[in-house]
Full PDB file with SEQRES, HELIX, SHEET, SSBOND, CRYST1, ORIGX, SCALE, CONECT and MASTER records, all heavy atoms in Angstrom:
SEQRES   1 A   33  SER LEU ARG LEU SER CYS ALA ALA SER HIS SER ILE PHE          
SEQRES   2 A   33  SER PHE ASN MET GLY TRP TYR ARG GLN ALA PRO GLY LYS          
SEQRES   3 A   33  GLN ARG GLU LEU VAL ALA GLU                                  
SHEET    1 AA1 2 TRP A  19  ARG A  21  0                                        
SHEET    2 AA1 2 GLU A  29  ALA A  32 -1                                        
CRYST1    1.000    1.000    1.000  90.00  90.00  90.00 P 1           1          
ORIGX1      1.000000  0.000000  0.000000        0.00000                         
ORIGX2      0.000000  1.000000  0.000000        0.00000                         
ORIGX3      0.000000  0.000000  1.000000        0.00000                         
SCALE1      1.000000  0.000000  0.000000        0.00000                         
SCALE2      0.000000  1.000000  0.000000        0.00000                         
SCALE3      0.000000  0.000000  1.000000        0.00000                         
ATOM      1  N   SER A   1       9.502  14.119  52.975  1.00  0.00           N  
ATOM      2  CA  SER A   1       9.638  13.820  51.526  1.00  0.00           C  
ATOM      3  C   SER A   1      11.058  13.524  51.170  1.00  0.00           C  
ATOM      4  O   SER A   1      12.043  14.033  51.824  1.00  0.00           O  
ATOM      5  CB  SER A   1       9.139  14.995  50.715  1.00  0.00           C  
ATOM      6  OG  SER A   1       7.778  15.306  50.917  1.00  0.00           O  
ATOM      7  N   LEU A   2      11.245  12.718  50.212  1.00  0.00           N  
ATOM      8  CA  LEU A   2      12.541  12.509  49.619  1.00  0.00           C  
ATOM      9  C   LEU A   2      12.357  12.349  48.042  1.00  0.00           C  
ATOM     10  O   LEU A   2      11.261  11.957  47.606  1.00  0.00           O  
ATOM     11  CB  LEU A   2      13.187  11.169  50.101  1.00  0.00           C  
ATOM     12  CG  LEU A   2      13.845  11.195  51.435  1.00  0.00           C  
ATOM     13  CD1 LEU A   2      14.302   9.776  51.810  1.00  0.00           C  
ATOM     14  CD2 LEU A   2      15.030  12.139  51.443  1.00  0.00           C  
ATOM     15  N   ARG A   3      13.354  12.691  47.299  1.00  0.00           N  
ATOM     16  CA  ARG A   3      13.374  12.533  45.906  1.00  0.00           C  
ATOM     17  C   ARG A   3      14.504  11.606  45.462  1.00  0.00           C  
ATOM     18  O   ARG A   3      15.741  11.922  45.728  1.00  0.00           O  
ATOM     19  CB  ARG A   3      13.452  13.785  45.127  1.00  0.00           C  
ATOM     20  CG  ARG A   3      13.174  13.646  43.642  1.00  0.00           C  
ATOM     21  CD  ARG A   3      13.237  14.976  42.948  1.00  0.00           C  
ATOM     22  NE  ARG A   3      12.932  14.959  41.517  1.00  0.00           N  
ATOM     23  CZ  ARG A   3      11.680  14.953  41.015  1.00  0.00           C  
ATOM     24  NH1 ARG A   3      10.621  15.113  41.839  1.00  0.00           N  
ATOM     25  NH2 ARG A   3      11.484  14.928  39.705  1.00  0.00           N  
ATOM     26  N   LEU A   4      14.249  10.383  44.960  1.00  0.00           N  
ATOM     27  CA  LEU A   4      15.290   9.501  44.460  1.00  0.00           C  
ATOM     28  C   LEU A   4      15.460   9.760  42.955  1.00  0.00           C  
ATOM     29  O   LEU A   4      14.536  10.038  42.213  1.00  0.00           O  
ATOM     30  CB  LEU A   4      14.850   8.100  44.663  1.00  0.00           C  
ATOM     31  CG  LEU A   4      14.507   7.678  46.090  1.00  0.00           C  
ATOM     32  CD1 LEU A   4      14.137   6.143  46.111  1.00  0.00           C  
ATOM     33  CD2 LEU A   4      15.549   7.994  47.054  1.00  0.00           C  
ATOM     34  N   SER A   5      16.738   9.561  42.542  1.00  0.00           N  
ATOM     35  CA  SER A   5      17.032   9.739  41.131  1.00  0.00           C  
ATOM     36  C   SER A   5      17.833   8.486  40.662  1.00  0.00           C  
ATOM     37  O   SER A   5      18.672   7.997  41.425  1.00  0.00           O  
ATOM     38  CB  SER A   5      17.843  10.991  40.856  1.00  0.00           C  
ATOM     39  OG  SER A   5      18.042  11.194  39.558  1.00  0.00           O  
ATOM     40  N   CYS A   6      17.590   8.074  39.461  1.00  0.00           N  
ATOM     41  CA  CYS A   6      18.297   6.958  38.818  1.00  0.00           C  
ATOM     42  C   CYS A   6      18.923   7.486  37.519  1.00  0.00           C  
ATOM     43  O   CYS A   6      18.196   7.957  36.624  1.00  0.00           O  
ATOM     44  CB  CYS A   6      17.347   5.822  38.540  1.00  0.00           C  
ATOM     45  SG  CYS A   6      18.078   4.494  37.518  1.00  0.00           S  
ATOM     46  N   ALA A   7      20.223   7.332  37.406  1.00  0.00           N  
ATOM     47  CA  ALA A   7      20.931   7.755  36.175  1.00  0.00           C  
ATOM     48  C   ALA A   7      21.394   6.468  35.429  1.00  0.00           C  
ATOM     49  O   ALA A   7      22.083   5.646  36.004  1.00  0.00           O  
ATOM     50  CB  ALA A   7      22.164   8.633  36.574  1.00  0.00           C  
ATOM     51  N   ALA A   8      20.994   6.474  34.195  1.00  0.00           N  
ATOM     52  CA  ALA A   8      21.361   5.299  33.352  1.00  0.00           C  
ATOM     53  C   ALA A   8      22.600   5.627  32.504  1.00  0.00           C  
ATOM     54  O   ALA A   8      22.793   6.761  32.084  1.00  0.00           O  
ATOM     55  CB  ALA A   8      20.232   4.879  32.449  1.00  0.00           C  
ATOM     56  N   SER A   9      23.323   4.620  32.148  1.00  0.00           N  
ATOM     57  CA  SER A   9      24.567   4.801  31.310  1.00  0.00           C  
ATOM     58  C   SER A   9      24.215   4.822  29.896  1.00  0.00           C  
ATOM     59  O   SER A   9      25.062   5.291  29.049  1.00  0.00           O  
ATOM     60  CB  SER A   9      25.588   3.736  31.593  1.00  0.00           C  
ATOM     61  OG  SER A   9      25.027   2.450  31.239  1.00  0.00           O  
ATOM     62  N   HIS A  10      23.034   4.396  29.438  1.00  0.00           N  
ATOM     63  CA  HIS A  10      22.590   4.442  28.078  1.00  0.00           C  
ATOM     64  C   HIS A  10      21.177   5.029  27.991  1.00  0.00           C  
ATOM     65  O   HIS A  10      20.540   5.251  28.967  1.00  0.00           O  
ATOM     66  CB  HIS A  10      22.509   2.977  27.535  1.00  0.00           C  
ATOM     67  CG  HIS A  10      23.812   2.266  27.417  1.00  0.00           C  
ATOM     68  ND1 HIS A  10      24.696   1.959  28.464  1.00  0.00           N  
ATOM     69  CD2 HIS A  10      24.474   1.819  26.321  1.00  0.00           C  
ATOM     70  CE1 HIS A  10      25.740   1.327  28.065  1.00  0.00           C  
ATOM     71  NE2 HIS A  10      25.638   1.254  26.724  1.00  0.00           N  
ATOM     72  N   SER A  11      20.862   5.408  26.752  1.00  0.00           N  
ATOM     73  CA  SER A  11      19.536   6.037  26.513  1.00  0.00           C  
ATOM     74  C   SER A  11      18.435   5.158  27.108  1.00  0.00           C  
ATOM     75  O   SER A  11      18.453   3.942  27.031  1.00  0.00           O  
ATOM     76  CB  SER A  11      19.332   6.267  25.069  1.00  0.00           C  
ATOM     77  OG  SER A  11      18.023   6.702  24.859  1.00  0.00           O  
ATOM     78  N   ILE A  12      17.465   5.849  27.696  1.00  0.00           N  
ATOM     79  CA  ILE A  12      16.301   5.120  28.237  1.00  0.00           C  
ATOM     80  C   ILE A  12      15.096   5.380  27.358  1.00  0.00           C  
ATOM     81  O   ILE A  12      13.944   4.885  27.684  1.00  0.00           O  
ATOM     82  CB  ILE A  12      16.023   5.585  29.636  1.00  0.00           C  
ATOM     83  CG1 ILE A  12      15.560   7.049  29.732  1.00  0.00           C  
ATOM     84  CG2 ILE A  12      17.111   5.257  30.598  1.00  0.00           C  
ATOM     85  CD1 ILE A  12      15.037   7.512  31.071  1.00  0.00           C  
ATOM     86  N   PHE A  13      15.247   6.010  26.267  1.00  0.00           N  
ATOM     87  CA  PHE A  13      14.149   6.543  25.420  1.00  0.00           C  
ATOM     88  C   PHE A  13      13.048   5.438  25.111  1.00  0.00           C  
ATOM     89  O   PHE A  13      11.900   5.678  25.243  1.00  0.00           O  
ATOM     90  CB  PHE A  13      14.694   7.160  24.107  1.00  0.00           C  
ATOM     91  CG  PHE A  13      13.619   7.682  23.196  1.00  0.00           C  
ATOM     92  CD1 PHE A  13      13.060   8.875  23.454  1.00  0.00           C  
ATOM     93  CD2 PHE A  13      13.223   6.955  22.080  1.00  0.00           C  
ATOM     94  CE1 PHE A  13      12.037   9.368  22.651  1.00  0.00           C  
ATOM     95  CE2 PHE A  13      12.221   7.429  21.302  1.00  0.00           C  
ATOM     96  CZ  PHE A  13      11.636   8.633  21.558  1.00  0.00           C  
ATOM     97  N   SER A  14      13.534   4.258  24.689  1.00  0.00           N  
ATOM     98  CA  SER A  14      12.623   3.293  24.201  1.00  0.00           C  
ATOM     99  C   SER A  14      12.245   2.190  25.316  1.00  0.00           C  
ATOM    100  O   SER A  14      11.590   1.251  24.965  1.00  0.00           O  
ATOM    101  CB  SER A  14      13.218   2.581  23.011  1.00  0.00           C  
ATOM    102  OG  SER A  14      13.501   3.472  21.935  1.00  0.00           O  
ATOM    103  N   PHE A  15      12.663   2.425  26.474  1.00  0.00           N  
ATOM    104  CA  PHE A  15      12.531   1.379  27.493  1.00  0.00           C  
ATOM    105  C   PHE A  15      11.745   1.803  28.739  1.00  0.00           C  
ATOM    106  O   PHE A  15      11.706   2.952  29.143  1.00  0.00           O  
ATOM    107  CB  PHE A  15      13.954   1.001  27.996  1.00  0.00           C  
ATOM    108  CG  PHE A  15      14.760   0.483  26.892  1.00  0.00           C  
ATOM    109  CD1 PHE A  15      15.732   1.330  26.285  1.00  0.00           C  
ATOM    110  CD2 PHE A  15      14.716  -0.752  26.446  1.00  0.00           C  
ATOM    111  CE1 PHE A  15      16.565   0.918  25.227  1.00  0.00           C  
ATOM    112  CE2 PHE A  15      15.528  -1.236  25.433  1.00  0.00           C  
ATOM    113  CZ  PHE A  15      16.430  -0.358  24.855  1.00  0.00           C  
ATOM    114  N   ASN A  16      11.003   0.793  29.238  1.00  0.00           N  
ATOM    115  CA  ASN A  16      10.272   0.974  30.446  1.00  0.00           C  
ATOM    116  C   ASN A  16      11.284   1.047  31.616  1.00  0.00           C  
ATOM    117  O   ASN A  16      12.295   0.369  31.589  1.00  0.00           O  
ATOM    118  CB  ASN A  16       9.329  -0.186  30.742  1.00  0.00           C  
ATOM    119  CG  ASN A  16       8.275  -0.306  29.629  1.00  0.00           C  
ATOM    120  OD1 ASN A  16       8.072   0.596  28.939  1.00  0.00           O  
ATOM    121  ND2 ASN A  16       7.616  -1.417  29.580  1.00  0.00           N  
ATOM    122  N   MET A  17      11.010   1.816  32.596  1.00  0.00           N  
ATOM    123  CA  MET A  17      11.861   1.944  33.761  1.00  0.00           C  
ATOM    124  C   MET A  17      11.026   1.826  35.019  1.00  0.00           C  
ATOM    125  O   MET A  17       9.800   2.137  35.043  1.00  0.00           O  
ATOM    126  CB  MET A  17      12.538   3.326  33.801  1.00  0.00           C  
ATOM    127  CG  MET A  17      13.315   3.691  32.586  1.00  0.00           C  
ATOM    128  SD  MET A  17      14.849   2.695  32.440  1.00  0.00           S  
ATOM    129  CE  MET A  17      15.787   3.096  33.936  1.00  0.00           C  
ATOM    130  N   GLY A  18      11.666   1.271  36.134  1.00  0.00           N  
ATOM    131  CA  GLY A  18      10.872   1.108  37.331  1.00  0.00           C  
ATOM    132  C   GLY A  18      11.725   1.290  38.559  1.00  0.00           C  
ATOM    133  O   GLY A  18      12.993   1.339  38.516  1.00  0.00           O  
ATOM    134  N   TRP A  19      11.003   1.455  39.656  1.00  0.00           N  
ATOM    135  CA  TRP A  19      11.586   1.517  41.027  1.00  0.00           C  
ATOM    136  C   TRP A  19      10.961   0.372  41.796  1.00  0.00           C  
ATOM    137  O   TRP A  19       9.758   0.155  41.852  1.00  0.00           O  
ATOM    138  CB  TRP A  19      11.239   2.870  41.721  1.00  0.00           C  
ATOM    139  CG  TRP A  19      12.106   4.035  41.287  1.00  0.00           C  
ATOM    140  CD1 TRP A  19      11.761   4.921  40.273  1.00  0.00           C  
ATOM    141  CD2 TRP A  19      13.445   4.324  41.736  1.00  0.00           C  
ATOM    142  NE1 TRP A  19      12.808   5.834  40.126  1.00  0.00           N  
ATOM    143  CE2 TRP A  19      13.832   5.524  40.994  1.00  0.00           C  
ATOM    144  CE3 TRP A  19      14.258   3.809  42.655  1.00  0.00           C  
ATOM    145  CZ2 TRP A  19      15.031   6.161  41.225  1.00  0.00           C  
ATOM    146  CZ3 TRP A  19      15.461   4.474  42.879  1.00  0.00           C  
ATOM    147  CH2 TRP A  19      15.836   5.567  42.182  1.00  0.00           C  
ATOM    148  N   TYR A  20      11.858  -0.386  42.476  1.00  0.00           N  
ATOM    149  CA  TYR A  20      11.459  -1.427  43.337  1.00  0.00           C  
ATOM    150  C   TYR A  20      12.038  -1.121  44.766  1.00  0.00           C  
ATOM    151  O   TYR A  20      12.916  -0.263  44.937  1.00  0.00           O  
ATOM    152  CB  TYR A  20      12.040  -2.769  42.923  1.00  0.00           C  
ATOM    153  CG  TYR A  20      11.365  -3.319  41.690  1.00  0.00           C  
ATOM    154  CD1 TYR A  20      11.459  -2.772  40.414  1.00  0.00           C  
ATOM    155  CD2 TYR A  20      10.549  -4.505  41.786  1.00  0.00           C  
ATOM    156  CE1 TYR A  20      10.824  -3.307  39.280  1.00  0.00           C  
ATOM    157  CE2 TYR A  20       9.869  -5.033  40.640  1.00  0.00           C  
ATOM    158  CZ  TYR A  20      10.130  -4.410  39.444  1.00  0.00           C  
ATOM    159  OH  TYR A  20       9.424  -4.934  38.334  1.00  0.00           O  
ATOM    160  N   ARG A  21      11.598  -1.882  45.733  1.00  0.00           N  
ATOM    161  CA  ARG A  21      12.147  -1.713  47.109  1.00  0.00           C  
ATOM    162  C   ARG A  21      12.170  -3.050  47.763  1.00  0.00           C  
ATOM    163  O   ARG A  21      11.397  -3.967  47.501  1.00  0.00           O  
ATOM    164  CB  ARG A  21      11.356  -0.675  47.953  1.00  0.00           C  
ATOM    165  CG  ARG A  21       9.974  -1.090  48.266  1.00  0.00           C  
ATOM    166  CD  ARG A  21       9.204   0.044  48.924  1.00  0.00           C  
ATOM    167  NE  ARG A  21       7.857  -0.293  49.335  1.00  0.00           N  
ATOM    168  CZ  ARG A  21       7.033   0.630  49.834  1.00  0.00           C  
ATOM    169  NH1 ARG A  21       7.374   1.898  50.005  1.00  0.00           N  
ATOM    170  NH2 ARG A  21       5.761   0.257  50.132  1.00  0.00           N  
ATOM    171  N   GLN A  22      13.057  -3.184  48.733  1.00  0.00           N  
ATOM    172  CA  GLN A  22      13.140  -4.350  49.494  1.00  0.00           C  
ATOM    173  C   GLN A  22      13.385  -3.991  50.953  1.00  0.00           C  
ATOM    174  O   GLN A  22      14.430  -3.413  51.275  1.00  0.00           O  
ATOM    175  CB  GLN A  22      14.217  -5.267  49.013  1.00  0.00           C  
ATOM    176  CG  GLN A  22      14.267  -6.707  49.648  1.00  0.00           C  
ATOM    177  CD  GLN A  22      15.108  -7.695  48.936  1.00  0.00           C  
ATOM    178  OE1 GLN A  22      15.965  -7.279  48.106  1.00  0.00           O  
ATOM    179  NE2 GLN A  22      14.884  -9.027  49.128  1.00  0.00           N  
ATOM    180  N   ALA A  23      12.489  -4.383  51.810  1.00  0.00           N  
ATOM    181  CA  ALA A  23      12.585  -4.184  53.293  1.00  0.00           C  
ATOM    182  C   ALA A  23      13.229  -5.423  53.864  1.00  0.00           C  
ATOM    183  O   ALA A  23      13.167  -6.465  53.326  1.00  0.00           O  
ATOM    184  CB  ALA A  23      11.239  -3.888  53.904  1.00  0.00           C  
ATOM    185  N   PRO A  24      13.861  -5.294  55.054  1.00  0.00           N  
ATOM    186  CA  PRO A  24      14.473  -6.413  55.695  1.00  0.00           C  
ATOM    187  C   PRO A  24      13.505  -7.549  55.895  1.00  0.00           C  
ATOM    188  O   PRO A  24      12.436  -7.327  56.420  1.00  0.00           O  
ATOM    189  CB  PRO A  24      14.976  -5.845  57.005  1.00  0.00           C  
ATOM    190  CG  PRO A  24      15.197  -4.428  56.795  1.00  0.00           C  
ATOM    191  CD  PRO A  24      14.066  -4.093  55.854  1.00  0.00           C  
ATOM    192  N   GLY A  25      13.902  -8.809  55.516  1.00  0.00           N  
ATOM    193  CA  GLY A  25      13.031  -9.948  55.641  1.00  0.00           C  
ATOM    194  C   GLY A  25      11.957 -10.052  54.688  1.00  0.00           C  
ATOM    195  O   GLY A  25      11.082 -10.964  54.819  1.00  0.00           O  
ATOM    196  N   LYS A  26      11.846  -9.111  53.711  1.00  0.00           N  
ATOM    197  CA  LYS A  26      10.707  -9.173  52.764  1.00  0.00           C  
ATOM    198  C   LYS A  26      11.277  -9.291  51.340  1.00  0.00           C  
ATOM    199  O   LYS A  26      12.436  -9.035  51.069  1.00  0.00           O  
ATOM    200  CB  LYS A  26       9.921  -7.910  52.907  1.00  0.00           C  
ATOM    201  CG  LYS A  26       9.160  -7.769  54.217  1.00  0.00           C  
ATOM    202  CD  LYS A  26       8.161  -6.591  54.198  1.00  0.00           C  
ATOM    203  CE  LYS A  26       7.417  -6.538  55.509  1.00  0.00           C  
ATOM    204  NZ  LYS A  26       6.392  -5.433  55.491  1.00  0.00           N  
ATOM    205  N   GLN A  27      10.347  -9.713  50.438  1.00  0.00           N  
ATOM    206  CA  GLN A  27      10.693  -9.835  49.028  1.00  0.00           C  
ATOM    207  C   GLN A  27      10.804  -8.402  48.404  1.00  0.00           C  
ATOM    208  O   GLN A  27      10.133  -7.493  48.784  1.00  0.00           O  
ATOM    209  CB  GLN A  27       9.784 -10.706  48.317  1.00  0.00           C  
ATOM    210  CG  GLN A  27       9.850 -12.259  48.691  1.00  0.00           C  
ATOM    211  CD  GLN A  27       8.975 -13.111  47.761  1.00  0.00           C  
ATOM    212  OE1 GLN A  27       7.926 -12.615  47.296  1.00  0.00           O  
ATOM    213  NE2 GLN A  27       9.433 -14.264  47.506  1.00  0.00           N  
ATOM    214  N   ARG A  28      11.559  -8.379  47.382  1.00  0.00           N  
ATOM    215  CA  ARG A  28      11.582  -7.065  46.524  1.00  0.00           C  
ATOM    216  C   ARG A  28      10.228  -6.903  45.884  1.00  0.00           C  
ATOM    217  O   ARG A  28       9.689  -7.853  45.319  1.00  0.00           O  
ATOM    218  CB  ARG A  28      12.711  -7.181  45.538  1.00  0.00           C  
ATOM    219  CG  ARG A  28      12.995  -5.908  44.884  1.00  0.00           C  
ATOM    220  CD  ARG A  28      14.315  -5.981  44.048  1.00  0.00           C  
ATOM    221  NE  ARG A  28      15.462  -6.282  44.880  1.00  0.00           N  
ATOM    222  CZ  ARG A  28      16.747  -6.309  44.331  1.00  0.00           C  
ATOM    223  NH1 ARG A  28      16.929  -5.927  43.077  1.00  0.00           N  
ATOM    224  NH2 ARG A  28      17.742  -6.526  45.103  1.00  0.00           N  
ATOM    225  N   GLU A  29       9.759  -5.701  45.914  1.00  0.00           N  
ATOM    226  CA  GLU A  29       8.429  -5.445  45.392  1.00  0.00           C  
ATOM    227  C   GLU A  29       8.464  -4.172  44.465  1.00  0.00           C  
ATOM    228  O   GLU A  29       9.240  -3.286  44.682  1.00  0.00           O  
ATOM    229  CB  GLU A  29       7.398  -5.223  46.451  1.00  0.00           C  
ATOM    230  CG  GLU A  29       7.731  -3.990  47.376  1.00  0.00           C  
ATOM    231  CD  GLU A  29       6.596  -3.786  48.377  1.00  0.00           C  
ATOM    232  OE1 GLU A  29       5.656  -4.462  48.406  1.00  0.00           O  
ATOM    233  OE2 GLU A  29       6.716  -2.746  49.160  1.00  0.00           O  
ATOM    234  N   LEU A  30       7.562  -4.183  43.491  1.00  0.00           N  
ATOM    235  CA  LEU A  30       7.507  -3.022  42.559  1.00  0.00           C  
ATOM    236  C   LEU A  30       6.891  -1.856  43.344  1.00  0.00           C  
ATOM    237  O   LEU A  30       5.849  -2.045  44.067  1.00  0.00           O  
ATOM    238  CB  LEU A  30       6.587  -3.391  41.407  1.00  0.00           C  
ATOM    239  CG  LEU A  30       6.267  -2.265  40.450  1.00  0.00           C  
ATOM    240  CD1 LEU A  30       7.533  -1.786  39.718  1.00  0.00           C  
ATOM    241  CD2 LEU A  30       5.186  -2.654  39.489  1.00  0.00           C  
ATOM    242  N   VAL A  31       7.453  -0.654  43.257  1.00  0.00           N  
ATOM    243  CA  VAL A  31       6.958   0.519  43.768  1.00  0.00           C  
ATOM    244  C   VAL A  31       6.240   1.318  42.642  1.00  0.00           C  
ATOM    245  O   VAL A  31       5.069   1.674  42.868  1.00  0.00           O  
ATOM    246  CB  VAL A  31       8.037   1.380  44.373  1.00  0.00           C  
ATOM    247  CG1 VAL A  31       7.461   2.696  44.914  1.00  0.00           C  
ATOM    248  CG2 VAL A  31       8.748   0.641  45.548  1.00  0.00           C  
ATOM    249  N   ALA A  32       6.901   1.554  41.575  1.00  0.00           N  
ATOM    250  CA  ALA A  32       6.296   2.388  40.462  1.00  0.00           C  
ATOM    251  C   ALA A  32       7.134   2.045  39.231  1.00  0.00           C  
ATOM    252  O   ALA A  32       8.249   1.726  39.298  1.00  0.00           O  
ATOM    253  CB  ALA A  32       6.386   3.861  40.823  1.00  0.00           C  
ATOM    254  N   GLU A  33       6.398   2.157  38.112  1.00  0.00           N  
ATOM    255  CA  GLU A  33       7.038   2.010  36.833  1.00  0.00           C  
ATOM    256  C   GLU A  33       6.487   3.034  35.878  1.00  0.00           C  
ATOM    257  O   GLU A  33       5.317   3.455  35.975  1.00  0.00           O  
ATOM    258  CB  GLU A  33       6.844   0.527  36.333  1.00  0.00           C  
ATOM    259  CG  GLU A  33       5.398   0.129  36.168  1.00  0.00           C  
ATOM    260  CD  GLU A  33       5.284  -1.411  35.867  1.00  0.00           C  
ATOM    261  OE1 GLU A  33       6.318  -2.054  35.615  1.00  0.00           O  
ATOM    262  OE2 GLU A  33       4.153  -1.844  35.883  1.00  0.00           O  
TER     263      GLU A  33                                                      
MASTER        0    0    0    0    2    0    0    6  262    1    0    3          
END                                                                             
């Protein structure tokens, strides 16, 4: 297991947030939002 964290410089209250990933040779893809 791993836990990733994303810290934003401004409030995220009203905004959708997401995690994407990109493997070598592949396109960036949505993981979770």
